[in-house]
All heavy atoms as atom14 arrays in JSON, in Angstrom:
{
  "sequence": "AAAAGEVTLSITEAEMTSYLAQQLSQQTGDVTLTDPQAYFRDGRM",
  "atom14_mask": [
    [1, 1, 1, 1, 1, 0, 0, 0, 0, 0, 0, 0, 0, 0],
    [1, 1, 1, 1, 1, 0, 0, 0, 0, 0, 0, 0, 0, 0],
    [1, 1, 1, 1, 1, 0, 0, 0, 0, 0, 0, 0, 0, 0],
    [1, 1, 1, 1, 1, 0, 0, 0, 0, 0, 0, 0, 0, 0],
    [1, 1, 1, 1, 0, 0, 0, 0, 0, 0, 0, 0, 0, 0],
    [1, 1, 1, 1, 1, 1, 1, 1, 1, 0, 0, 0, 0, 0],
    [1, 1, 1, 1, 1, 1, 1, 0, 0, 0, 0, 0, 0, 0],
    [1, 1, 1, 1, 1, 1, 1, 0, 0, 0, 0, 0, 0, 0],
    [1, 1, 1, 1, 1, 1, 1, 1, 0, 0, 0, 0, 0, 0],
    [1, 1, 1, 1, 1, 1, 0, 0, 0, 0, 0, 0, 0, 0],
    [1, 1, 1, 1, 1, 1, 1, 1, 0, 0, 0, 0, 0, 0],
    [1, 1, 1, 1, 1, 1, 1, 0, 0, 0, 0, 0, 0, 0],
    [1, 1, 1, 1, 1, 1, 1, 1, 1, 0, 0, 0, 0, 0],
    [1, 1, 1, 1, 1, 0, 0, 0, 0, 0, 0, 0, 0, 0],
    [1, 1, 1, 1, 1, 1, 1, 1, 1, 0, 0, 0, 0, 0],
    [1, 1, 1, 1, 1, 1, 1, 1, 0, 0, 0, 0, 0, 0],
    [1, 1, 1, 1, 1, 1, 1, 0, 0, 0, 0, 0, 0, 0],
    [1, 1, 1, 1, 1, 1, 0, 0, 0, 0, 0, 0, 0, 0],
    [1, 1, 1, 1, 1, 1, 1, 1, 1, 1, 1, 1, 0, 0],
    [1, 1, 1, 1, 1, 1, 1, 1, 0, 0, 0, 0, 0, 0],
    [1, 1, 1, 1, 1, 0, 0, 0, 0, 0, 0, 0, 0, 0],
    [1, 1, 1, 1, 1, 1, 1, 1, 1, 0, 0, 0, 0, 0],
    [1, 1, 1, 1, 1, 1, 1, 1, 1, 0, 0, 0, 0, 0],
    [1, 1, 1, 1, 1, 1, 1, 1, 0, 0, 0, 0, 0, 0],
    [1, 1, 1, 1, 1, 1, 0, 0, 0, 0, 0, 0, 0, 0],
    [1, 1, 1, 1, 1, 1, 1, 1, 1, 0, 0, 0, 0, 0],
    [1, 1, 1, 1, 1, 1, 1, 1, 1, 0, 0, 0, 0, 0],
    [1, 1, 1, 1, 1, 1, 1, 0, 0, 0, 0, 0, 0, 0],
    [1, 1, 1, 1, 0, 0, 0, 0, 0, 0, 0, 0, 0, 0],
    [1, 1, 1, 1, 1, 1, 1, 1, 0, 0, 0, 0, 0, 0],
    [1, 1, 1, 1, 1, 1, 1, 0, 0, 0, 0, 0, 0, 0],
    [1, 1, 1, 1, 1, 1, 1, 0, 0, 0, 0, 0, 0, 0],
    [1, 1, 1, 1, 1, 1, 1, 1, 0, 0, 0, 0, 0, 0],
    [1, 1, 1, 1, 1, 1, 1, 0, 0, 0, 0, 0, 0, 0],
    [1, 1, 1, 1, 1, 1, 1, 1, 0, 0, 0, 0, 0, 0],
    [1, 1, 1, 1, 1, 1, 1, 0, 0, 0, 0, 0, 0, 0],
    [1, 1, 1, 1, 1, 1, 1, 1, 1, 0, 0, 0, 0, 0],
    [1, 1, 1, 1, 1, 0, 0, 0, 0, 0, 0, 0, 0, 0],
    [1, 1, 1, 1, 1, 1, 1, 1, 1, 1, 1, 1, 0, 0],
    [1, 1, 1, 1, 1, 1, 1, 1, 1, 1, 1, 0, 0, 0],
    [1, 1, 1, 1, 1, 1, 1, 1, 1, 1, 1, 0, 0, 0],
    [1, 1, 1, 1, 1, 1, 1, 1, 0, 0, 0, 0, 0, 0],
    [1, 1, 1, 1, 0, 0, 0, 0, 0, 0, 0, 0, 0, 0],
    [1, 1, 1, 1, 1, 1, 1, 1, 1, 1, 1, 0, 0, 0],
    [1, 1, 1, 1, 1, 1, 1, 1, 0, 0, 0, 0, 0, 0]
  ],
  "atom14_positions": [
    [[188.41, 263.44, 205.07], [187.15, 264.07, 205.06], [187.25, 265.65, 204.94], [186.41, 266.33, 204.47], [186.43, 263.79, 206.44], [0.0, 0.0, 0.0], [0.0, 0.0, 0.0], [0.0, 0.0, 0.0], [0.0, 0.0, 0.0], [0.0, 0.0, 0.0], [0.0, 0.0, 0.0], [0.0, 0.0, 0.0], [0.0, 0.0, 0.0], [0.0, 0.0, 0.0]],
    [[188.36, 266.18, 205.48], [188.65, 267.65, 205.42], [189.46, 268.07, 204.23], [189.66, 269.24, 204.05], [189.3, 268.1, 206.8], [0.0, 0.0, 0.0], [0.0, 0.0, 0.0], [0.0, 0.0, 0.0], [0.0, 0.0, 0.0], [0.0, 0.0, 0.0], [0.0, 0.0, 0.0], [0.0, 0.0, 0.0], [0.0, 0.0, 0.0], [0.0, 0.0, 0.0]],
    [[189.98, 267.14, 203.38], [190.78, 267.4, 202.27], [189.97, 267.77, 201.04], [188.79, 267.38, 200.9], [191.73, 266.23, 202.02], [0.0, 0.0, 0.0], [0.0, 0.0, 0.0], [0.0, 0.0, 0.0], [0.0, 0.0, 0.0], [0.0, 0.0, 0.0], [0.0, 0.0, 0.0], [0.0, 0.0, 0.0], [0.0, 0.0, 0.0], [0.0, 0.0, 0.0]],
    [[190.73, 268.47, 200.13], [190.04, 268.8, 198.82], [191.27, 268.83, 197.77], [192.31, 269.09, 198.21], [189.29, 270.14, 198.9], [0.0, 0.0, 0.0], [0.0, 0.0, 0.0], [0.0, 0.0, 0.0], [0.0, 0.0, 0.0], [0.0, 0.0, 0.0], [0.0, 0.0, 0.0], [0.0, 0.0, 0.0], [0.0, 0.0, 0.0], [0.0, 0.0, 0.0]],
    [[190.88, 268.68, 196.57], [191.78, 268.7, 195.49], [192.56, 267.41, 195.43], [192.01, 266.38, 195.74], [0.0, 0.0, 0.0], [0.0, 0.0, 0.0], [0.0, 0.0, 0.0], [0.0, 0.0, 0.0], [0.0, 0.0, 0.0], [0.0, 0.0, 0.0], [0.0, 0.0, 0.0], [0.0, 0.0, 0.0], [0.0, 0.0, 0.0], [0.0, 0.0, 0.0]],
    [[193.84, 267.49, 194.97], [194.6, 266.22, 194.84], [195.29, 265.87, 196.27], [195.8, 266.69, 196.81], [195.76, 266.35, 193.79], [196.44, 265.02, 193.49], [197.27, 265.13, 192.26], [196.63, 265.27, 191.14], [198.46, 264.81, 192.39], [0.0, 0.0, 0.0], [0.0, 0.0, 0.0], [0.0, 0.0, 0.0], [0.0, 0.0, 0.0], [0.0, 0.0, 0.0]],
    [[195.13, 264.58, 196.45], [195.63, 264.1, 197.8], [196.47, 262.83, 197.57], [196.2, 262.06, 196.58], [194.55, 263.86, 198.87], [193.78, 265.15, 199.19], [193.59, 262.85, 198.3], [0.0, 0.0, 0.0], [0.0, 0.0, 0.0], [0.0, 0.0, 0.0], [0.0, 0.0, 0.0], [0.0, 0.0, 0.0], [0.0, 0.0, 0.0], [0.0, 0.0, 0.0]],
    [[197.4, 262.56, 198.39], [198.13, 261.28, 198.35], [198.07, 260.64, 199.67], [198.27, 261.23, 200.76], [199.66, 261.59, 198.05], [199.67, 262.37, 196.81], [200.44, 260.4, 197.91], [0.0, 0.0, 0.0], [0.0, 0.0, 0.0], [0.0, 0.0, 0.0], [0.0, 0.0, 0.0], [0.0, 0.0, 0.0], [0.0, 0.0, 0.0], [0.0, 0.0, 0.0]],
    [[197.78, 259.37, 199.66], [197.55, 258.56, 200.88], [198.7, 257.4, 200.77], [198.64, 256.68, 199.78], [196.2, 257.91, 200.83], [195.91, 256.8, 202.04], [196.07, 257.57, 203.38], [194.65, 256.28, 201.85], [0.0, 0.0, 0.0], [0.0, 0.0, 0.0], [0.0, 0.0, 0.0], [0.0, 0.0, 0.0], [0.0, 0.0, 0.0], [0.0, 0.0, 0.0]],
    [[199.66, 257.4, 201.64], [200.63, 256.45, 201.7], [200.34, 255.56, 202.82], [200.26, 255.85, 203.99], [202.01, 257.01, 201.9], [202.37, 257.77, 200.74], [0.0, 0.0, 0.0], [0.0, 0.0, 0.0], [0.0, 0.0, 0.0], [0.0, 0.0, 0.0], [0.0, 0.0, 0.0], [0.0, 0.0, 0.0], [0.0, 0.0, 0.0], [0.0, 0.0, 0.0]],
    [[200.35, 254.2, 202.55], [199.9, 253.03, 203.58], [201.24, 252.3, 203.67], [201.66, 251.61, 202.62], [198.71, 252.31, 203.13], [197.6, 253.26, 202.91], [198.46, 251.14, 204.09], [196.36, 252.53, 202.27], [0.0, 0.0, 0.0], [0.0, 0.0, 0.0], [0.0, 0.0, 0.0], [0.0, 0.0, 0.0], [0.0, 0.0, 0.0], [0.0, 0.0, 0.0]],
    [[201.75, 252.07, 204.87], [202.88, 251.27, 205.05], [202.52, 249.83, 205.34], [201.32, 249.55, 205.76], [203.72, 251.78, 206.34], [202.96, 251.52, 207.53], [204.2, 253.3, 206.15], [0.0, 0.0, 0.0], [0.0, 0.0, 0.0], [0.0, 0.0, 0.0], [0.0, 0.0, 0.0], [0.0, 0.0, 0.0], [0.0, 0.0, 0.0], [0.0, 0.0, 0.0]],
    [[203.45, 248.92, 205.3], [203.25, 247.57, 205.49], [202.76, 247.33, 206.98], [201.87, 246.57, 207.28], [204.48, 246.68, 205.24], [204.85, 246.65, 203.88], [206.22, 245.9, 203.61], [207.11, 245.94, 204.53], [206.46, 245.47, 202.5], [0.0, 0.0, 0.0], [0.0, 0.0, 0.0], [0.0, 0.0, 0.0], [0.0, 0.0, 0.0], [0.0, 0.0, 0.0]],
    [[203.33, 248.11, 207.93], [203.05, 248.02, 209.37], [201.64, 248.38, 209.5], [200.87, 247.81, 210.33], [203.97, 248.79, 210.2], [0.0, 0.0, 0.0], [0.0, 0.0, 0.0], [0.0, 0.0, 0.0], [0.0, 0.0, 0.0], [0.0, 0.0, 0.0], [0.0, 0.0, 0.0], [0.0, 0.0, 0.0], [0.0, 0.0, 0.0], [0.0, 0.0, 0.0]],
    [[201.16, 249.55, 208.92], [199.87, 250.01, 209.05], [198.77, 248.92, 208.52], [197.83, 248.64, 209.21], [199.61, 251.4, 208.34], [200.28, 252.46, 209.01], [200.36, 253.84, 208.19], [200.32, 253.67, 206.96], [200.48, 254.84, 208.79], [0.0, 0.0, 0.0], [0.0, 0.0, 0.0], [0.0, 0.0, 0.0], [0.0, 0.0, 0.0], [0.0, 0.0, 0.0]],
    [[199.02, 248.41, 207.35], [198.12, 247.5, 206.73], [198.1, 246.19, 207.53], [196.94, 245.6, 207.83], [198.49, 247.19, 205.33], [197.56, 246.25, 204.6], [195.81, 246.87, 204.56], [195.93, 248.05, 203.12], [0.0, 0.0, 0.0], [0.0, 0.0, 0.0], [0.0, 0.0, 0.0], [0.0, 0.0, 0.0], [0.0, 0.0, 0.0], [0.0, 0.0, 0.0]],
    [[199.16, 245.67, 207.95], [199.3, 244.47, 208.73], [198.51, 244.67, 210.09], [197.78, 243.84, 210.38], [200.72, 244.08, 209.03], [201.37, 243.67, 207.71], [200.85, 242.92, 209.92], [0.0, 0.0, 0.0], [0.0, 0.0, 0.0], [0.0, 0.0, 0.0], [0.0, 0.0, 0.0], [0.0, 0.0, 0.0], [0.0, 0.0, 0.0], [0.0, 0.0, 0.0]],
    [[198.79, 245.79, 210.73], [198.11, 246.04, 212.09], [196.57, 246.26, 211.84], [195.76, 245.66, 212.63], [198.75, 247.27, 212.66], [200.11, 246.96, 212.94], [0.0, 0.0, 0.0], [0.0, 0.0, 0.0], [0.0, 0.0, 0.0], [0.0, 0.0, 0.0], [0.0, 0.0, 0.0], [0.0, 0.0, 0.0], [0.0, 0.0, 0.0], [0.0, 0.0, 0.0]],
    [[196.24, 246.95, 210.81], [194.87, 247.14, 210.44], [194.1, 245.8, 210.24], [193.05, 245.52, 210.79], [194.64, 248.13, 209.3], [193.13, 248.33, 209.02], [192.46, 249.33, 209.69], [192.58, 247.71, 207.87], [191.17, 249.48, 209.45], [191.22, 248.0, 207.61], [190.49, 248.83, 208.42], [189.23, 249.15, 208.04], [0.0, 0.0, 0.0], [0.0, 0.0, 0.0]],
    [[194.75, 244.9, 209.36], [194.22, 243.65, 209.21], [194.12, 242.82, 210.4], [193.06, 242.17, 210.62], [195.0, 242.98, 208.1], [195.01, 243.49, 206.61], [196.0, 242.73, 205.73], [193.56, 243.27, 206.14], [0.0, 0.0, 0.0], [0.0, 0.0, 0.0], [0.0, 0.0, 0.0], [0.0, 0.0, 0.0], [0.0, 0.0, 0.0], [0.0, 0.0, 0.0]],
    [[195.08, 242.92, 211.26], [195.05, 242.03, 212.5], [193.92, 242.48, 213.37], [193.14, 241.72, 213.93], [196.41, 242.23, 213.17], [0.0, 0.0, 0.0], [0.0, 0.0, 0.0], [0.0, 0.0, 0.0], [0.0, 0.0, 0.0], [0.0, 0.0, 0.0], [0.0, 0.0, 0.0], [0.0, 0.0, 0.0], [0.0, 0.0, 0.0], [0.0, 0.0, 0.0]],
    [[193.74, 243.91, 213.45], [192.66, 244.39, 214.15], [191.26, 243.92, 213.69], [190.38, 243.5, 214.43], [192.76, 245.95, 214.18], [191.71, 246.68, 215.03], [192.01, 248.19, 214.9], [191.78, 248.8, 213.82], [192.5, 248.71, 216.01], [0.0, 0.0, 0.0], [0.0, 0.0, 0.0], [0.0, 0.0, 0.0], [0.0, 0.0, 0.0], [0.0, 0.0, 0.0]],
    [[191.12, 243.94, 212.37], [189.84, 243.54, 211.71], [189.7, 242.08, 212.01], [188.48, 241.68, 212.18], [189.83, 243.92, 210.23], [189.89, 245.4, 209.94], [188.66, 246.11, 210.53], [187.49, 245.78, 210.29], [189.02, 247.16, 211.36], [0.0, 0.0, 0.0], [0.0, 0.0, 0.0], [0.0, 0.0, 0.0], [0.0, 0.0, 0.0], [0.0, 0.0, 0.0]],
    [[190.71, 241.3, 211.76], [190.53, 239.75, 211.88], [190.18, 239.37, 213.29], [189.61, 238.29, 213.57], [191.78, 239.06, 211.4], [192.0, 239.18, 209.76], [193.33, 238.57, 209.5], [190.88, 238.52, 209.11], [0.0, 0.0, 0.0], [0.0, 0.0, 0.0], [0.0, 0.0, 0.0], [0.0, 0.0, 0.0], [0.0, 0.0, 0.0], [0.0, 0.0, 0.0]],
    [[190.61, 240.18, 214.31], [190.28, 239.85, 215.75], [188.87, 239.87, 216.05], [188.46, 239.33, 217.02], [191.22, 240.86, 216.62], [190.57, 242.12, 216.63], [0.0, 0.0, 0.0], [0.0, 0.0, 0.0], [0.0, 0.0, 0.0], [0.0, 0.0, 0.0], [0.0, 0.0, 0.0], [0.0, 0.0, 0.0], [0.0, 0.0, 0.0], [0.0, 0.0, 0.0]],
    [[188.11, 240.46, 215.24], [186.71, 240.52, 215.39], [185.85, 239.4, 214.7], [184.65, 239.35, 214.66], [186.15, 241.87, 214.86], [186.75, 243.05, 215.66], [186.49, 244.31, 215.03], [185.61, 244.53, 214.3], [187.29, 245.3, 215.36], [0.0, 0.0, 0.0], [0.0, 0.0, 0.0], [0.0, 0.0, 0.0], [0.0, 0.0, 0.0], [0.0, 0.0, 0.0]],
    [[186.64, 238.4, 214.04], [185.95, 237.27, 213.28], [185.17, 236.4, 214.29], [185.62, 236.18, 215.37], [187.06, 236.5, 212.63], [187.83, 237.2, 211.58], [188.96, 236.19, 211.11], [188.61, 235.56, 210.12], [190.02, 236.18, 211.73], [0.0, 0.0, 0.0], [0.0, 0.0, 0.0], [0.0, 0.0, 0.0], [0.0, 0.0, 0.0], [0.0, 0.0, 0.0]],
    [[184.18, 235.82, 213.75], [183.4, 234.72, 214.33], [183.18, 233.65, 213.44], [183.42, 233.75, 212.17], [182.11, 235.28, 214.94], [181.29, 235.69, 213.87], [182.24, 236.31, 215.91], [0.0, 0.0, 0.0], [0.0, 0.0, 0.0], [0.0, 0.0, 0.0], [0.0, 0.0, 0.0], [0.0, 0.0, 0.0], [0.0, 0.0, 0.0], [0.0, 0.0, 0.0]],
    [[182.95, 232.46, 213.87], [182.83, 231.34, 213.06], [183.81, 230.12, 213.23], [184.79, 230.42, 213.96], [0.0, 0.0, 0.0], [0.0, 0.0, 0.0], [0.0, 0.0, 0.0], [0.0, 0.0, 0.0], [0.0, 0.0, 0.0], [0.0, 0.0, 0.0], [0.0, 0.0, 0.0], [0.0, 0.0, 0.0], [0.0, 0.0, 0.0], [0.0, 0.0, 0.0]],
    [[183.65, 229.16, 212.52], [184.49, 227.93, 212.65], [185.86, 228.2, 211.85], [186.83, 227.61, 212.28], [183.87, 226.81, 212.02], [182.74, 226.24, 213.09], [182.67, 226.63, 214.24], [181.87, 225.44, 212.49], [0.0, 0.0, 0.0], [0.0, 0.0, 0.0], [0.0, 0.0, 0.0], [0.0, 0.0, 0.0], [0.0, 0.0, 0.0], [0.0, 0.0, 0.0]],
    [[185.81, 228.96, 210.88], [186.98, 229.16, 210.1], [187.46, 230.62, 210.31], [186.71, 231.53, 210.06], [186.83, 228.84, 208.56], [188.07, 229.02, 207.73], [186.36, 227.43, 208.32], [0.0, 0.0, 0.0], [0.0, 0.0, 0.0], [0.0, 0.0, 0.0], [0.0, 0.0, 0.0], [0.0, 0.0, 0.0], [0.0, 0.0, 0.0], [0.0, 0.0, 0.0]],
    [[188.73, 230.82, 210.72], [189.22, 232.08, 210.88], [190.58, 232.29, 210.26], [191.42, 231.3, 210.03], [189.31, 232.45, 212.42], [190.29, 231.43, 213.0], [188.05, 232.38, 213.16], [0.0, 0.0, 0.0], [0.0, 0.0, 0.0], [0.0, 0.0, 0.0], [0.0, 0.0, 0.0], [0.0, 0.0, 0.0], [0.0, 0.0, 0.0], [0.0, 0.0, 0.0]],
    [[190.91, 233.6, 210.02], [192.3, 233.92, 209.57], [193.0, 234.6, 210.79], [192.38, 235.45, 211.47], [192.27, 234.89, 208.48], [191.68, 234.37, 207.06], [191.54, 235.61, 206.08], [192.59, 233.41, 206.59], [0.0, 0.0, 0.0], [0.0, 0.0, 0.0], [0.0, 0.0, 0.0], [0.0, 0.0, 0.0], [0.0, 0.0, 0.0], [0.0, 0.0, 0.0]],
    [[194.21, 234.2, 210.84], [194.99, 234.97, 212.03], [196.46, 235.22, 211.43], [196.82, 234.76, 210.35], [195.22, 233.91, 213.17], [195.9, 232.83, 212.83], [193.88, 233.43, 213.8], [0.0, 0.0, 0.0], [0.0, 0.0, 0.0], [0.0, 0.0, 0.0], [0.0, 0.0, 0.0], [0.0, 0.0, 0.0], [0.0, 0.0, 0.0], [0.0, 0.0, 0.0]],
    [[197.2, 235.96, 212.29], [198.57, 236.24, 211.95], [198.86, 236.89, 210.53], [199.75, 236.5, 209.93], [199.43, 235.09, 212.17], [199.28, 234.44, 213.51], [199.12, 235.1, 214.53], [199.37, 233.14, 213.62], [0.0, 0.0, 0.0], [0.0, 0.0, 0.0], [0.0, 0.0, 0.0], [0.0, 0.0, 0.0], [0.0, 0.0, 0.0], [0.0, 0.0, 0.0]],
    [[198.14, 237.86, 210.23], [198.27, 238.42, 208.88], [199.53, 239.15, 208.72], [200.05, 239.7, 209.8], [197.16, 239.48, 208.75], [196.83, 239.89, 210.13], [197.03, 238.64, 210.97], [0.0, 0.0, 0.0], [0.0, 0.0, 0.0], [0.0, 0.0, 0.0], [0.0, 0.0, 0.0], [0.0, 0.0, 0.0], [0.0, 0.0, 0.0], [0.0, 0.0, 0.0]],
    [[200.2, 239.1, 207.62], [201.44, 239.92, 207.36], [201.25, 240.34, 205.78], [201.12, 239.63, 204.86], [202.72, 238.99, 207.42], [202.98, 238.5, 208.71], [203.65, 239.57, 209.6], [204.73, 240.05, 209.3], [202.92, 240.05, 210.57], [0.0, 0.0, 0.0], [0.0, 0.0, 0.0], [0.0, 0.0, 0.0], [0.0, 0.0, 0.0], [0.0, 0.0, 0.0]],
    [[201.18, 241.7, 205.71], [200.99, 242.35, 204.43], [202.19, 243.05, 204.04], [202.8, 243.89, 204.64], [199.8, 243.36, 204.42], [0.0, 0.0, 0.0], [0.0, 0.0, 0.0], [0.0, 0.0, 0.0], [0.0, 0.0, 0.0], [0.0, 0.0, 0.0], [0.0, 0.0, 0.0], [0.0, 0.0, 0.0], [0.0, 0.0, 0.0], [0.0, 0.0, 0.0]],
    [[202.77, 242.58, 202.83], [203.91, 243.06, 202.24], [203.75, 243.76, 200.95], [203.0, 243.27, 200.11], [205.05, 241.89, 202.09], [205.46, 241.37, 203.33], [204.64, 240.08, 203.67], [206.38, 241.79, 204.21], [205.14, 239.5, 204.88], [206.75, 241.16, 205.37], [206.1, 240.0, 205.69], [206.51, 239.41, 206.83], [0.0, 0.0, 0.0], [0.0, 0.0, 0.0]],
    [[204.26, 245.0, 200.73], [204.14, 245.72, 199.54], [205.39, 245.66, 198.72], [206.38, 246.38, 198.99], [203.77, 247.1, 199.74], [202.36, 247.38, 200.51], [202.35, 248.22, 201.71], [201.3, 246.7, 200.04], [201.11, 248.4, 202.36], [200.03, 246.93, 200.72], [200.0, 247.75, 201.73], [0.0, 0.0, 0.0], [0.0, 0.0, 0.0], [0.0, 0.0, 0.0]],
    [[205.48, 244.6, 197.89], [206.85, 244.35, 197.14], [206.58, 244.04, 195.7], [205.47, 243.4, 195.32], [207.55, 243.16, 197.84], [207.66, 243.22, 199.32], [208.71, 244.28, 199.81], [208.63, 244.42, 201.22], [209.5, 243.92, 202.08], [210.32, 242.97, 201.65], [209.37, 244.14, 203.35], [0.0, 0.0, 0.0], [0.0, 0.0, 0.0], [0.0, 0.0, 0.0]],
    [[207.34, 244.45, 194.79], [207.45, 243.95, 193.45], [206.1, 244.33, 192.78], [205.46, 243.67, 192.0], [207.56, 242.45, 193.39], [208.91, 241.95, 194.02], [209.86, 242.7, 193.93], [208.85, 240.92, 194.64], [0.0, 0.0, 0.0], [0.0, 0.0, 0.0], [0.0, 0.0, 0.0], [0.0, 0.0, 0.0], [0.0, 0.0, 0.0], [0.0, 0.0, 0.0]],
    [[205.47, 245.47, 193.15], [204.33, 245.98, 192.41], [202.96, 245.22, 192.94], [201.96, 245.32, 192.38], [0.0, 0.0, 0.0], [0.0, 0.0, 0.0], [0.0, 0.0, 0.0], [0.0, 0.0, 0.0], [0.0, 0.0, 0.0], [0.0, 0.0, 0.0], [0.0, 0.0, 0.0], [0.0, 0.0, 0.0], [0.0, 0.0, 0.0], [0.0, 0.0, 0.0]],
    [[203.07, 244.4, 193.97], [201.92, 243.61, 194.43], [201.92, 243.6, 195.95], [202.86, 243.88, 196.71], [202.23, 242.01, 194.06], [202.53, 241.81, 192.62], [201.19, 241.78, 191.74], [201.51, 241.49, 190.41], [201.81, 242.34, 189.5], [201.97, 243.53, 189.77], [202.0, 241.94, 188.2], [0.0, 0.0, 0.0], [0.0, 0.0, 0.0], [0.0, 0.0, 0.0]],
    [[200.65, 243.3, 196.44], [200.55, 243.04, 197.88], [200.66, 241.58, 198.05], [199.78, 240.75, 197.46], [199.3, 243.63, 198.46], [199.15, 243.29, 199.95], [197.94, 244.3, 200.89], [196.42, 243.38, 200.49], [0.0, 0.0, 0.0], [0.0, 0.0, 0.0], [0.0, 0.0, 0.0], [0.0, 0.0, 0.0], [0.0, 0.0, 0.0], [0.0, 0.0, 0.0]]
  ]
}
């Protein structure tokens, strides 16, 4: 929000996995996703 010009954002596997776990912990309903693991390998997530 405070940046301007060219910026670079680097996201690690631990950050993405933890963020997804945090978001998934708020799910409601009969079908849920748990235990996410996000790997950034071979040009793919």
